[in-house]
Amino acid sequence: LMRDLPEGAALLDAKLRVLWANRRLKGWAGRLDDDPTGECIYDLFGNPDLMGSDLCPFHTAFSTGEEASGTFQTSDNRYFQVRAAPVGDEPKPTQLVVTVGDITEEINQQQKLAAIHRAGRELADLRPTEIYQMGVDERIDLLKDNIRHHLTDLLNFDVIEIRLLEQDNGDL
């Protein structure tokens, strides 16, 4: 069962060396046909960048005796949620059980939404003096250009169609 979990799983020693890893974790680390036993978990993921306030969930779990979590960002821009918990009830644990989940799609979605939010603020950031000097058609063209620019950059659209609604009669 552990071998075929949809999440990565591993058992680590006090020096963060892999004692056992399941198939999913080996696959994510590009080591499906190779046994990573004895390797540092960080080496297995290519020395990823650690994101968040907890710089090392493994050391935190060892020192507190409680579960800790963190996020890895690998060199190929994949993101993994890592959770570590001490094994057993000893006051000074010597092993950790680790689960790893691929959260790349969620992180990418969050980054896109943040970029869209920033773009929305930039679209609304027009100086009143600039607006008053423009005619209605010039303002509309400026907004269209800004929208087109941001949508092309953020969402990688090749074709964009912008339609305006006539308030008087409801026509596009």
Protein backbone atom coordinates (compact mmCIF):
# COMPACT_ATOMS: atom_id res chain seq x y z
CA LEU A 1 0.00 0.00 0.00
CA MET A 2 2.72 2.48 0.93
CA ARG A 3 4.59 1.80 -2.31
CA ASP A 4 1.57 2.76 -4.44
CA LEU A 5 0.27 5.78 -2.53
CA PRO A 6 -0.66 8.75 -4.77
CA GLU A 7 1.55 10.91 -2.51
CA GLY A 8 5.29 10.55 -2.10
CA ALA A 9 6.39 8.94 1.17
CA ALA A 10 9.76 8.37 2.80
CA LEU A 11 11.42 7.45 6.04
CA LEU A 12 14.42 9.63 7.00
CA ASP A 13 17.13 9.23 9.63
CA ALA A 14 18.47 12.03 11.85
CA LYS A 15 20.92 13.12 9.12
CA LEU A 16 18.01 13.47 6.63
CA ARG A 17 19.14 10.41 4.69
CA VAL A 18 16.50 8.32 2.99
CA LEU A 19 15.97 4.94 4.66
CA TRP A 20 13.03 4.08 2.42
CA ALA A 21 11.03 5.83 -0.32
CA ASN A 22 7.91 4.83 -2.18
CA ARG A 23 7.52 4.67 -5.95
CA ARG A 24 5.83 8.09 -6.30
CA LEU A 25 8.64 9.91 -4.48
CA LYS A 26 11.28 8.09 -6.53
CA GLY A 27 9.44 9.05 -9.73
CA TRP A 28 9.24 12.73 -8.80
CA ALA A 29 12.94 12.67 -8.00
CA GLY A 30 13.68 10.99 -11.36
CA ARG A 31 14.93 7.88 -9.58
CA LEU A 32 12.24 5.31 -10.38
CA ASP A 33 14.75 2.64 -11.39
CA ASP A 34 17.37 3.59 -8.80
CA ASP A 35 17.37 3.09 -5.03
CA PRO A 36 17.90 6.43 -3.22
CA THR A 37 18.59 4.79 0.15
CA GLY A 38 21.35 6.64 1.97
CA GLU A 39 20.97 9.89 0.02
CA CYS A 40 19.99 13.17 1.64
CA ILE A 41 16.38 14.10 0.87
CA TYR A 42 17.53 17.49 -0.40
CA ASP A 43 19.92 15.86 -2.89
CA LEU A 44 17.08 13.66 -4.08
CA PHE A 45 15.19 16.81 -5.15
CA GLY A 46 18.25 18.58 -6.57
CA ASN A 47 18.75 20.91 -3.57
CA PRO A 48 15.42 22.72 -3.89
CA ASP A 49 14.68 26.20 -2.66
CA LEU A 50 12.65 26.20 0.53
CA MET A 51 9.65 28.51 0.56
CA GLY A 52 7.75 29.85 3.54
CA SER A 53 8.64 30.81 7.07
CA ASP A 54 9.81 27.37 8.20
CA LEU A 55 13.15 27.00 6.48
CA CYS A 56 13.56 23.29 7.23
CA PRO A 57 10.51 21.26 8.19
CA PHE A 58 12.74 18.26 8.95
CA HIS A 59 14.85 20.04 11.55
CA THR A 60 11.72 21.62 13.02
CA ALA A 61 10.05 18.20 13.36
CA PHE A 62 13.16 16.76 15.01
CA SER A 63 13.61 19.67 17.43
CA THR A 64 9.96 20.13 18.43
CA GLY A 65 8.81 16.51 18.22
CA GLU A 66 5.79 17.81 16.30
CA GLU A 67 4.68 17.66 12.68
CA ALA A 68 6.13 20.38 10.46
CA SER A 69 5.58 21.32 6.84
CA GLY A 70 7.19 23.34 4.09
CA THR A 71 7.29 23.87 0.35
CA PHE A 72 10.10 22.88 -2.00
CA GLN A 73 10.69 24.61 -5.32
CA THR A 74 12.90 22.56 -7.63
CA SER A 75 15.18 23.92 -10.34
CA ASP A 76 12.64 22.92 -13.03
CA ASN A 77 9.94 25.08 -11.30
CA ARG A 78 8.01 22.26 -9.71
CA TYR A 79 6.56 22.75 -6.25
CA PHE A 80 6.15 20.12 -3.54
CA GLN A 81 4.35 20.34 -0.21
CA VAL A 82 6.46 18.43 2.33
CA ARG A 83 5.16 17.23 5.71
CA ALA A 84 7.42 15.61 8.28
CA ALA A 85 6.50 13.95 11.57
CA PRO A 86 8.67 12.17 14.12
CA VAL A 87 8.33 8.40 14.39
CA GLY A 88 7.44 7.11 17.85
CA ASP A 89 6.96 8.87 21.15
CA GLU A 90 10.57 9.24 22.27
CA PRO A 91 11.57 12.69 23.57
CA LYS A 92 14.45 12.79 21.08
CA PRO A 93 13.18 11.24 17.81
CA THR A 94 15.69 9.61 15.45
CA GLN A 95 13.50 9.10 12.40
CA LEU A 96 10.91 11.05 10.45
CA VAL A 97 8.07 9.89 8.28
CA VAL A 98 7.68 12.28 5.36
CA THR A 99 4.88 12.79 2.87
CA VAL A 100 5.30 14.82 -0.30
CA GLY A 101 2.60 16.17 -2.60
CA ASP A 102 3.04 17.83 -6.00
CA ILE A 103 1.36 21.26 -5.75
CA THR A 104 2.83 22.74 -8.94
CA GLU A 105 -0.55 23.38 -10.59
CA GLU A 106 -1.93 25.10 -7.49
CA ILE A 107 1.11 27.36 -7.12
CA ASN A 108 1.07 28.25 -10.83
CA GLN A 109 -2.64 29.10 -10.57
CA GLN A 110 -1.97 31.30 -7.52
CA GLN A 111 0.83 33.08 -9.35
CA LYS A 112 -1.41 33.74 -12.36
CA LEU A 113 -4.17 35.12 -10.14
CA ALA A 114 -1.70 37.39 -8.34
CA ALA A 115 -0.40 38.64 -11.70
CA ILE A 116 -3.94 39.31 -12.91
CA HIS A 117 -4.65 41.19 -9.68
CA ARG A 118 -1.54 43.34 -10.18
CA ALA A 119 -2.54 43.97 -13.79
CA GLY A 120 -6.00 45.07 -12.64
CA ARG A 121 -4.44 47.58 -10.27
CA GLU A 122 -2.22 48.89 -13.07
CA LEU A 123 -5.23 49.28 -15.37
CA ALA A 124 -6.98 51.38 -12.76
CA ASP A 125 -3.85 53.43 -12.07
CA LEU A 126 -4.52 56.25 -14.51
CA ARG A 127 -3.74 59.79 -13.47
CA PRO A 128 -6.74 62.11 -13.46
CA THR A 129 -4.81 64.73 -15.42
CA GLU A 130 -4.15 62.19 -18.20
CA ILE A 131 -7.79 61.13 -18.33
CA TYR A 132 -9.20 64.68 -18.44
CA GLN A 133 -6.96 65.57 -21.38
CA MET A 134 -8.22 62.60 -23.41
CA GLY A 135 -11.41 62.30 -25.33
CA VAL A 136 -13.81 59.40 -24.73
CA ASP A 137 -12.52 57.43 -27.73
CA GLU A 138 -8.91 57.93 -26.61
CA ARG A 139 -9.75 56.64 -23.11
CA ILE A 140 -11.46 53.58 -24.56
CA ASP A 141 -8.49 52.91 -26.85
CA LEU A 142 -6.07 53.27 -23.94
CA LEU A 143 -8.05 50.78 -21.83
CA LYS A 144 -8.30 48.36 -24.76
CA ASP A 145 -4.53 48.53 -25.31
CA ASN A 146 -3.83 48.00 -21.61
CA ILE A 147 -6.23 45.05 -21.41
CA ARG A 148 -4.79 43.52 -24.59
CA HIS A 149 -1.23 43.96 -23.32
CA HIS A 150 -1.90 42.39 -19.92
CA LEU A 151 -3.96 39.48 -21.23
CA THR A 152 -1.34 38.65 -23.84
CA ASP A 153 1.49 38.72 -21.28
CA LEU A 154 -0.29 37.00 -18.40
CA LEU A 155 -2.45 34.41 -20.09
CA ASN A 156 -0.47 33.91 -23.30
CA PHE A 157 -3.48 34.60 -25.52
CA ASP A 158 -2.74 35.01 -29.21
CA VAL A 159 -6.14 36.47 -30.14
CA ILE A 160 -8.20 38.77 -27.96
CA GLU A 161 -11.57 40.27 -28.77
CA ILE A 162 -12.86 43.18 -26.72
CA ARG A 163 -16.49 44.14 -27.04
CA LEU A 164 -18.09 47.24 -25.62
CA LEU A 165 -21.66 47.37 -24.40
CA GLU A 166 -23.69 50.39 -25.45
CA GLN A 167 -25.41 51.42 -22.23
CA ASP A 168 -28.25 53.19 -24.04
CA ASN A 169 -29.56 50.24 -26.06
CA GLY A 170 -27.69 47.15 -24.75
CA ASP A 171 -25.96 46.44 -28.08
CA LEU A 172 -22.41 45.12 -28.24
